[in-house]
C-alpha atoms as a PDB file:
ATOM      1  CA  MET A   1     -70.154 -27.904 -53.343  1.00  0.00           C
ATOM      2  CA  ASN A   2     -68.914 -28.573 -56.888  1.00  0.00           C
ATOM      3  CA  PRO A   3     -65.760 -26.396 -57.415  1.00  0.00           C
ATOM      4  CA  ILE A   4     -66.367 -26.306 -61.204  1.00  0.00           C
ATOM      5  CA  ASN A   5     -69.738 -24.622 -60.722  1.00  0.00           C
ATOM      6  CA  LYS A   6     -69.348 -20.866 -61.286  1.00  0.00           C
ATOM      7  CA  THR A   7     -72.719 -20.003 -59.739  1.00  0.00           C
ATOM      8  CA  PRO A   8     -72.195 -18.012 -56.494  1.00  0.00           C
ATOM      9  CA  ARG A   9     -72.606 -20.275 -53.431  1.00  0.00           C
ATOM     10  CA  HIS A  10     -75.295 -18.135 -51.791  1.00  0.00           C
ATOM     11  CA  LEU A  11     -77.383 -18.476 -54.957  1.00  0.00           C
ATOM     12  CA  ILE A  12     -77.013 -22.253 -55.022  1.00  0.00           C
ATOM     13  CA  ILE A  13     -78.122 -22.431 -51.372  1.00  0.00           C
ATOM     14  CA  GLN A  14     -80.996 -20.012 -52.097  1.00  0.00           C
ATOM     15  CA  GLN A  15     -82.194 -22.180 -55.020  1.00  0.00           C
ATOM     16  CA  ASP A  16     -81.910 -25.375 -52.968  1.00  0.00           C
ATOM     17  CA  LEU A  17     -83.823 -23.909 -50.030  1.00  0.00           C
ATOM     18  CA  LEU A  18     -86.530 -22.645 -52.365  1.00  0.00           C
ATOM     19  CA  LYS A  19     -86.857 -26.043 -53.968  1.00  0.00           C
ATOM     20  CA  LYS A  20     -87.303 -27.580 -50.494  1.00  0.00           C
ATOM     21  CA  ILE A  21     -89.926 -24.986 -49.577  1.00  0.00           C
ATOM     22  CA  GLN A  22     -91.898 -25.468 -52.813  1.00  0.00           C
ATOM     23  CA  SER A  23     -91.768 -29.283 -52.522  1.00  0.00           C
ATOM     24  CA  GLY A  24     -93.032 -29.162 -48.964  1.00  0.00           C
ATOM     25  CA  GLN A  25     -89.881 -30.574 -47.431  1.00  0.00           C
ATOM     26  CA  TYR A  26     -89.816 -27.358 -45.410  1.00  0.00           C
ATOM     27  CA  PRO A  27     -93.578 -26.852 -44.787  1.00  0.00           C
ATOM     28  CA  GLN A  28     -95.271 -23.455 -44.402  1.00  0.00           C
ATOM     29  CA  GLY A  29     -95.250 -22.206 -40.872  1.00  0.00           C
ATOM     30  CA  GLN A  30     -92.338 -24.482 -39.841  1.00  0.00           C
ATOM     31  CA  LEU A  31     -88.745 -23.543 -38.939  1.00  0.00           C
ATOM     32  CA  ILE A  32     -85.966 -24.222 -41.370  1.00  0.00           C
ATOM     33  CA  PRO A  33     -82.634 -25.520 -39.991  1.00  0.00           C
ATOM     34  CA  LYS A  34     -80.635 -23.031 -37.967  1.00  0.00           C
ATOM     35  CA  GLU A  35     -77.802 -21.105 -39.645  1.00  0.00           C
ATOM     36  CA  CYS A  36     -75.152 -23.206 -37.905  1.00  0.00           C
ATOM     37  CA  GLU A  37     -76.825 -26.385 -39.246  1.00  0.00           C
ATOM     38  CA  LEU A  38     -76.995 -24.976 -42.739  1.00  0.00           C
ATOM     39  CA  THR A  39     -73.320 -24.076 -42.730  1.00  0.00           C
ATOM     40  CA  ASP A  40     -72.603 -27.789 -42.037  1.00  0.00           C
ATOM     41  CA  ILE A  41     -75.119 -28.969 -44.660  1.00  0.00           C
ATOM     42  CA  TYR A  42     -73.742 -26.739 -47.430  1.00  0.00           C
ATOM     43  CA  GLN A  43     -70.134 -26.541 -46.192  1.00  0.00           C
ATOM     44  CA  VAL A  44     -70.047 -22.732 -46.404  1.00  0.00           C
ATOM     45  CA  SER A  45     -69.520 -19.786 -44.068  1.00  0.00           C
ATOM     46  CA  ARG A  46     -72.327 -18.362 -41.978  1.00  0.00           C
ATOM     47  CA  PRO A  47     -72.365 -15.013 -43.971  1.00  0.00           C
ATOM     48  CA  THR A  48     -73.020 -17.019 -47.135  1.00  0.00           C
ATOM     49  CA  VAL A  49     -75.950 -18.784 -45.522  1.00  0.00           C
ATOM     50  CA  ARG A  50     -77.281 -15.469 -44.225  1.00  0.00           C
ATOM     51  CA  GLN A  51     -77.112 -13.964 -47.681  1.00  0.00           C
ATOM     52  CA  ALA A  52     -79.137 -16.828 -49.146  1.00  0.00           C
ATOM     53  CA  ILE A  53     -81.733 -16.664 -46.374  1.00  0.00           C
ATOM     54  CA  GLN A  54     -82.039 -12.887 -46.676  1.00  0.00           C
ATOM     55  CA  HIS A  55     -82.875 -13.158 -50.412  1.00  0.00           C
ATOM     56  CA  LEU A  56     -85.658 -15.550 -49.581  1.00  0.00           C
ATOM     57  CA  VAL A  57     -86.868 -13.246 -46.802  1.00  0.00           C
ATOM     58  CA  ASN A  58     -86.912 -10.354 -49.292  1.00  0.00           C
ATOM     59  CA  GLU A  59     -88.880 -12.418 -51.765  1.00  0.00           C
ATOM     60  CA  GLY A  60     -91.481 -13.357 -49.143  1.00  0.00           C
ATOM     61  CA  TYR A  61     -90.670 -17.053 -48.776  1.00  0.00           C
ATOM     62  CA  LEU A  62     -89.106 -16.898 -45.345  1.00  0.00           C
ATOM     63  CA  GLU A  63     -89.672 -14.785 -42.217  1.00  0.00           C
ATOM     64  CA  ARG A  64     -87.246 -14.228 -39.337  1.00  0.00           C
ATOM     65  CA  ARG A  65     -88.812 -14.607 -35.911  1.00  0.00           C
ATOM     66  CA  LYS A  66     -87.128 -13.243 -32.798  1.00  0.00           C
ATOM     67  CA  ARG A  67     -85.936 -15.911 -30.389  1.00  0.00           C
ATOM     68  CA  ARG A  68     -87.411 -18.597 -32.703  1.00  0.00           C
ATOM     69  CA  GLY A  69     -85.465 -18.698 -35.916  1.00  0.00           C
ATOM     70  CA  THR A  70     -86.541 -18.510 -39.567  1.00  0.00           C
ATOM     71  CA  ILE A  71     -89.876 -19.907 -40.640  1.00  0.00           C
ATOM     72  CA  VAL A  72     -91.376 -20.737 -44.047  1.00  0.00           C
ATOM     73  CA  LYS A  73     -93.870 -17.961 -44.657  1.00  0.00           C
ATOM     74  CA  GLN A  74     -97.481 -18.650 -45.685  1.00  0.00           C
ATOM     75  CA  GLN A  75     -97.745 -17.530 -49.319  1.00  0.00           C
ATOM     76  CA  LYS A  76    -100.512 -14.979 -49.815  1.00  0.00           C
ATOM     77  CA  ILE A  77    -103.312 -15.432 -52.357  1.00  0.00           C
ATOM     78  CA  ASN A  78    -103.727 -12.391 -54.595  1.00  0.00           C
ATOM     79  CA  GLN A  79    -107.449 -11.749 -54.771  1.00  0.00           C
ATOM     80  CA  GLU A  80    -108.438  -9.914 -57.959  1.00  0.00           C
ATOM     81  CA  PHE A  81    -112.216  -9.495 -57.367  1.00  0.00           C
ATOM     82  CA  THR A  82    -111.623  -5.820 -56.581  1.00  0.00           C
ATOM     83  CA  HIS A  83    -111.487  -5.022 -60.291  1.00  0.00           C
ATOM     84  CA  ILE A  84    -113.156  -7.963 -62.046  1.00  0.00           C
ATOM     85  CA  ILE A  85    -116.475  -9.726 -61.570  1.00  0.00           C
ATOM     86  CA  GLU A  86    -115.710 -13.403 -61.188  1.00  0.00           C
ATOM     87  CA  SER A  87    -116.874 -16.200 -58.920  1.00  0.00           C
ATOM     88  CA  TYR A  88    -114.648 -17.337 -56.048  1.00  0.00           C
ATOM     89  CA  ASP A  89    -114.439 -20.845 -57.482  1.00  0.00           C
ATOM     90  CA  SER A  90    -113.401 -19.581 -60.917  1.00  0.00           C
ATOM     91  CA  GLU A  91    -110.726 -17.329 -59.483  1.00  0.00           C
ATOM     92  CA  MET A  92    -109.242 -20.060 -57.270  1.00  0.00           C
ATOM     93  CA  ASN A  93    -109.280 -22.547 -60.165  1.00  0.00           C
ATOM     94  CA  ARG A  94    -107.525 -20.034 -62.384  1.00  0.00           C
ATOM     95  CA  LYS A  95    -104.801 -19.688 -59.734  1.00  0.00           C
ATOM     96  CA  GLY A  96    -104.379 -23.481 -59.573  1.00  0.00           C
ATOM     97  CA  LEU A  97    -105.956 -23.720 -56.127  1.00  0.00           C
ATOM     98  CA  GLN A  98    -108.681 -26.218 -55.204  1.00  0.00           C
ATOM     99  CA  PRO A  99    -111.747 -24.326 -53.882  1.00  0.00           C
ATOM    100  CA  LYS A 100    -114.348 -25.709 -51.511  1.00  0.00           C
ATOM    101  CA  THR A 101    -117.474 -24.132 -50.016  1.00  0.00           C
ATOM    102  CA  GLN A 102    -119.179 -25.032 -46.729  1.00  0.00           C
ATOM    103  CA  VAL A 103    -122.679 -23.602 -46.246  1.00  0.00           C
ATOM    104  CA  LEU A 104    -123.103 -22.758 -42.566  1.00  0.00           C
ATOM    105  CA  THR A 105    -126.537 -21.107 -42.763  1.00  0.00           C
ATOM    106  CA  PHE A 106    -129.141 -20.706 -45.523  1.00  0.00           C
ATOM    107  CA  LYS A 107    -132.482 -19.399 -44.290  1.00  0.00           C
ATOM    108  CA  ILE A 108    -135.070 -16.630 -44.560  1.00  0.00           C
ATOM    109  CA  ASP A 109    -134.518 -13.706 -42.255  1.00  0.00           C
ATOM    110  CA  LYS A 110    -135.711 -10.080 -41.784  1.00  0.00           C
ATOM    111  CA  ALA A 111    -133.796  -7.134 -43.264  1.00  0.00           C
ATOM    112  CA  THR A 112    -132.058  -4.831 -40.805  1.00  0.00           C
ATOM    113  CA  CYS A 113    -131.798  -1.167 -41.601  1.00  0.00           C
ATOM    114  CA  GLU A 114    -128.280  -1.727 -43.050  1.00  0.00           C
ATOM    115  CA  ILE A 115    -129.360  -4.634 -45.235  1.00  0.00           C
ATOM    116  CA  ALA A 116    -132.528  -2.827 -46.392  1.00  0.00           C
ATOM    117  CA  THR A 117    -130.572   0.287 -47.341  1.00  0.00           C
ATOM    118  CA  ASN A 118    -128.060  -1.690 -49.411  1.00  0.00           C
ATOM    119  CA  LEU A 119    -130.739  -3.846 -51.147  1.00  0.00           C
ATOM    120  CA  GLN A 120    -133.104  -0.911 -51.734  1.00  0.00           C
ATOM    121  CA  ILE A 121    -135.954  -2.615 -49.877  1.00  0.00           C
ATOM    122  CA  ASP A 122    -137.875  -1.839 -46.669  1.00  0.00           C
ATOM    123  CA  GLU A 123    -136.650  -2.681 -43.224  1.00  0.00           C
ATOM    124  CA  ASN A 124    -138.061  -6.038 -42.012  1.00  0.00           C
ATOM    125  CA  ASP A 125    -138.672  -7.246 -45.582  1.00  0.00           C
ATOM    126  CA  GLU A 126    -137.790 -10.903 -46.004  1.00  0.00           C
ATOM    127  CA  VAL A 127    -134.262 -11.713 -47.173  1.00  0.00           C
ATOM    128  CA  TYR A 128    -132.314 -14.891 -47.732  1.00  0.00           C
ATOM    129  CA  LYS A 129    -129.319 -15.138 -45.384  1.00  0.00           C
ATOM    130  CA  LEU A 130    -126.570 -17.302 -46.833  1.00  0.00           C
ATOM    131  CA  VAL A 131    -123.412 -17.852 -44.735  1.00  0.00           C
ATOM    132  CA  ARG A 132    -120.547 -19.635 -46.475  1.00  0.00           C
ATOM    133  CA  LEU A 133    -117.052 -20.583 -45.336  1.00  0.00           C
ATOM    134  CA  ARG A 134    -114.828 -20.719 -48.386  1.00  0.00           C
ATOM    135  CA  TYR A 135    -111.609 -22.675 -48.653  1.00  0.00           C
ATOM    136  CA  ALA A 136    -108.555 -22.949 -50.887  1.00  0.00           C
ATOM    137  CA  GLU A 137    -106.515 -26.165 -50.686  1.00  0.00           C
ATOM    138  CA  ASN A 138    -108.514 -27.118 -47.539  1.00  0.00           C
ATOM    139  CA  LYS A 139    -107.573 -23.862 -45.745  1.00  0.00           C
ATOM    140  CA  PRO A 140    -110.381 -21.522 -44.684  1.00  0.00           C
ATOM    141  CA  ILE A 141    -109.862 -18.257 -46.593  1.00  0.00           C
ATOM    142  CA  VAL A 142    -112.979 -16.132 -46.223  1.00  0.00           C
ATOM    143  CA  LEU A 143    -116.269 -16.092 -44.291  1.00  0.00           C
ATOM    144  CA  VAL A 144    -119.065 -14.586 -46.424  1.00  0.00           C
ATOM    145  CA  THR A 145    -122.549 -13.582 -45.192  1.00  0.00           C
ATOM    146  CA  THR A 146    -124.854 -12.810 -48.150  1.00  0.00           C
ATOM    147  CA  TYR A 147    -128.305 -11.278 -48.141  1.00  0.00           C
ATOM    148  CA  LEU A 148    -130.732 -11.424 -51.138  1.00  0.00           C
ATOM    149  CA  PRO A 149    -134.322 -10.169 -51.453  1.00  0.00           C
ATOM    150  CA  VAL A 150    -136.873 -12.940 -51.188  1.00  0.00           C
ATOM    151  CA  ALA A 151    -139.467 -11.012 -53.256  1.00  0.00           C
ATOM    152  CA  ARG A 152    -137.227 -11.107 -56.354  1.00  0.00           C
ATOM    153  CA  LEU A 153    -135.965 -14.683 -55.958  1.00  0.00           C
ATOM    154  CA  PRO A 154    -138.755 -17.198 -55.332  1.00  0.00           C
ATOM    155  CA  ASN A 155    -137.768 -20.724 -54.230  1.00  0.00           C
ATOM    156  CA  PHE A 156    -134.114 -19.740 -53.862  1.00  0.00           C
ATOM    157  CA  LEU A 157    -133.640 -22.046 -50.880  1.00  0.00           C
ATOM    158  CA  ASP A 158    -133.776 -24.944 -53.332  1.00  0.00           C
ATOM    159  CA  HIS A 159    -130.244 -24.193 -54.495  1.00  0.00           C
ATOM    160  CA  ASP A 160    -127.212 -26.048 -53.113  1.00  0.00           C
ATOM    161  CA  PHE A 161    -124.433 -23.486 -52.867  1.00  0.00           C
ATOM    162  CA  THR A 162    -121.861 -25.992 -51.773  1.00  0.00           C
ATOM    163  CA  GLN A 163    -121.807 -26.950 -55.453  1.00  0.00           C
ATOM    164  CA  GLU A 164    -123.563 -24.160 -57.392  1.00  0.00           C
ATOM    165  CA  LYS A 165    -122.166 -20.687 -58.004  1.00  0.00           C
ATOM    166  CA  LEU A 166    -124.299 -17.886 -56.665  1.00  0.00           C
ATOM    167  CA  TYR A 167    -123.829 -15.601 -59.635  1.00  0.00           C
ATOM    168  CA  SER A 168    -124.669 -18.394 -62.055  1.00  0.00           C
ATOM    169  CA  ALA A 169    -127.876 -19.033 -60.167  1.00  0.00           C
ATOM    170  CA  LEU A 170    -128.770 -15.330 -60.256  1.00  0.00           C
ATOM    171  CA  GLU A 171    -128.047 -15.169 -63.983  1.00  0.00           C
ATOM    172  CA  LYS A 172    -130.366 -18.115 -64.650  1.00  0.00           C
ATOM    173  CA  MET A 173    -133.096 -16.146 -62.828  1.00  0.00           C
ATOM    174  CA  ASN A 174    -132.477 -13.128 -65.132  1.00  0.00           C
ATOM    175  CA  TYR A 175    -130.436 -11.150 -62.606  1.00  0.00           C
ATOM    176  CA  PRO A 176    -126.929 -11.150 -64.037  1.00  0.00           C
ATOM    177  CA  ILE A 177    -124.448  -9.256 -61.887  1.00  0.00           C
ATOM    178  CA  LEU A 178    -123.212  -6.309 -63.948  1.00  0.00           C
ATOM    179  CA  GLN A 179    -121.678  -4.022 -61.313  1.00  0.00           C
ATOM    180  CA  ILE A 180    -120.393  -4.275 -57.755  1.00  0.00           C
ATOM    181  CA  ARG A 181    -119.676  -1.606 -55.179  1.00  0.00           C
ATOM    182  CA  ARG A 182    -117.222  -2.560 -52.445  1.00  0.00           C
ATOM    183  CA  LYS A 183    -116.129  -0.936 -49.214  1.00  0.00           C
ATOM    184  CA  LEU A 184    -112.979  -2.178 -47.427  1.00  0.00           C
ATOM    185  CA  GLU A 185    -112.085  -1.968 -43.726  1.00  0.00           C
ATOM    186  CA  VAL A 186    -109.545  -3.735 -41.586  1.00  0.00           C
ATOM    187  CA  ILE A 187    -110.885  -5.050 -38.268  1.00  0.00           C
ATOM    188  CA  LYS A 188    -109.884  -7.513 -35.614  1.00  0.00           C
ATOM    189  CA  ALA A 189    -111.250 -11.061 -35.657  1.00  0.00           C
ATOM    190  CA  ASP A 190    -113.824 -11.874 -32.985  1.00  0.00           C
ATOM    191  CA  GLU A 191    -114.059 -15.261 -31.292  1.00  0.00           C
ATOM    192  CA  THR A 192    -116.458 -16.813 -33.812  1.00  0.00           C
ATOM    193  CA  THR A 193    -114.585 -15.524 -36.875  1.00  0.00           C
ATOM    194  CA  SER A 194    -111.218 -16.644 -35.470  1.00  0.00           C
ATOM    195  CA  ASP A 195    -112.546 -20.159 -34.840  1.00  0.00           C
ATOM    196  CA  LEU A 196    -113.988 -20.485 -38.362  1.00  0.00           C
ATOM    197  CA  LEU A 197    -110.999 -19.007 -40.135  1.00  0.00           C
ATOM    198  CA  ASP A 198    -108.452 -20.806 -37.941  1.00  0.00           C
ATOM    199  CA  ILE A 199    -106.696 -17.667 -36.786  1.00  0.00           C
ATOM    200  CA  GLU A 200    -106.121 -16.052 -33.373  1.00  0.00           C
ATOM    201  CA  GLU A 201    -108.775 -13.868 -31.806  1.00  0.00           C
ATOM    202  CA  GLY A 202    -107.779 -10.242 -32.483  1.00  0.00           C
ATOM    203  CA  ASP A 203    -105.812 -11.005 -35.659  1.00  0.00           C
ATOM    204  CA  PRO A 204    -106.427  -8.492 -38.445  1.00  0.00           C
ATOM    205  CA  ILE A 205    -108.977  -9.376 -41.160  1.00  0.00           C
ATOM    206  CA  PHE A 206    -109.990  -7.658 -44.332  1.00  0.00           C
ATOM    207  CA  TYR A 207    -113.700  -6.696 -44.001  1.00  0.00           C
ATOM    208  CA  PHE A 208    -115.558  -6.060 -47.270  1.00  0.00           C
ATOM    209  CA  HIS A 209    -119.080  -4.756 -47.709  1.00  0.00           C
ATOM    210  CA  SER A 210    -120.293  -5.495 -51.254  1.00  0.00           C
ATOM    211  CA  THR A 211    -123.477  -4.553 -53.044  1.00  0.00           C
ATOM    212  CA  ALA A 212    -124.024  -6.246 -56.431  1.00  0.00           C
ATOM    213  CA  PHE A 213    -126.311  -4.782 -59.040  1.00  0.00           C
ATOM    214  CA  SER A 214    -128.145  -6.309 -61.987  1.00  0.00           C
ATOM    215  CA  GLN A 215    -129.792  -4.495 -64.928  1.00  0.00           C
ATOM    216  CA  GLU A 216    -130.815  -0.868 -64.386  1.00  0.00           C
ATOM    217  CA  ARG A 217    -128.650  -0.815 -61.244  1.00  0.00           C
ATOM    218  CA  LEU A 218    -131.075  -3.019 -59.318  1.00  0.00           C
ATOM    219  CA  ALA A 219    -129.457  -4.184 -56.056  1.00  0.00           C
ATOM    220  CA  ILE A 220    -129.739  -7.931 -55.849  1.00  0.00           C
ATOM    221  CA  GLU A 221    -127.015  -8.996 -53.373  1.00  0.00           C
ATOM    222  CA  TYR A 222    -125.464  -7.512 -50.242  1.00  0.00           C
ATOM    223  CA  SER A 223    -122.508  -9.389 -48.772  1.00  0.00           C
ATOM    224  CA  ILE A 224    -120.183  -9.012 -45.819  1.00  0.00           C
ATOM    225  CA  SER A 225    -116.891 -10.852 -46.378  1.00  0.00           C
ATOM    226  CA  LYS A 226    -114.171 -11.462 -43.769  1.00  0.00           C
ATOM    227  CA  TYR A 227    -110.829 -12.438 -45.330  1.00  0.00           C
ATOM    228  CA  ARG A 228    -107.887 -13.746 -43.322  1.00  0.00           C
ATOM    229  CA  GLY A 229    -105.221 -11.015 -43.211  1.00  0.00           C
ATOM    230  CA  ASP A 230    -102.294 -13.453 -43.101  1.00  0.00           C
ATOM    231  CA  ILE A 231    -102.844 -15.219 -46.412  1.00  0.00           C
ATOM    232  CA  ASN A 232    -104.780 -12.805 -48.586  1.00  0.00           C
ATOM    233  CA  SER A 233    -103.685  -9.742 -50.510  1.00  0.00           C
ATOM    234  CA  PHE A 234    -105.765  -7.643 -52.914  1.00  0.00           C
ATOM    235  CA  ILE A 235    -105.036  -6.259 -56.387  1.00  0.00           C
ATOM    236  CA  PHE A 236    -106.616  -2.913 -57.286  1.00  0.00           C
ATOM    237  CA  GLU A 237    -106.383  -1.872 -60.905  1.00  0.00           C
ATOM    238  CA  LEU A 238    -107.018   1.767 -61.773  1.00  0.00           C
ATOM    239  CA  ASN A 239    -107.342   3.100 -65.308  1.00  0.00           C
ATOM    240  CA  HIS A 240    -107.019   6.686 -66.479  1.00  0.00           C
END
């Protein structure tokens, strides 16, 4: 430590640890050195090291684990779609994250009672079923199953939604999305969802039911989205 430096020692350690976390020297999900090791590295007392670590725990960068030590915490992605209409790709790009979409299923199916009710069609009417696994920085973030009425969207199977944005395609077909109704639940991941999202079976996931409306409140999309609970958070904006 430089004796001329007037900055408190715990703050210097805190800043150095944060720099190592942000550079990837201490990767997310990995243990940082033990307190006794850090006292040797920084030539300070253990309470000083604890103070620096506690600041980073409070700020959400580190997490203490019983009998394991202190790990670098996975930083959560703040999802803002709860109060603005924006494509997933656009939102991730705006946050400086590289999005990717994998289409798992895209086919014609029959509407169940739930799907028909939300799309304002009859049960057993034909619907497109589009299942996408969406990534940010090569991590699976959300599993989305989308249903759209075949009668209103001829030849929709021709679209490649690994590259094309769904809402852009709908707008080109004169169905711009103007309003969305969402319902949020928290459920436990089943075996299939846990495999696809790379989490443990039984882990909590955010479960959204969304119905998107075009002009004259015409329902054009019904989606079920399963977001990982460990790396997603949601922003709700309410105005008086």
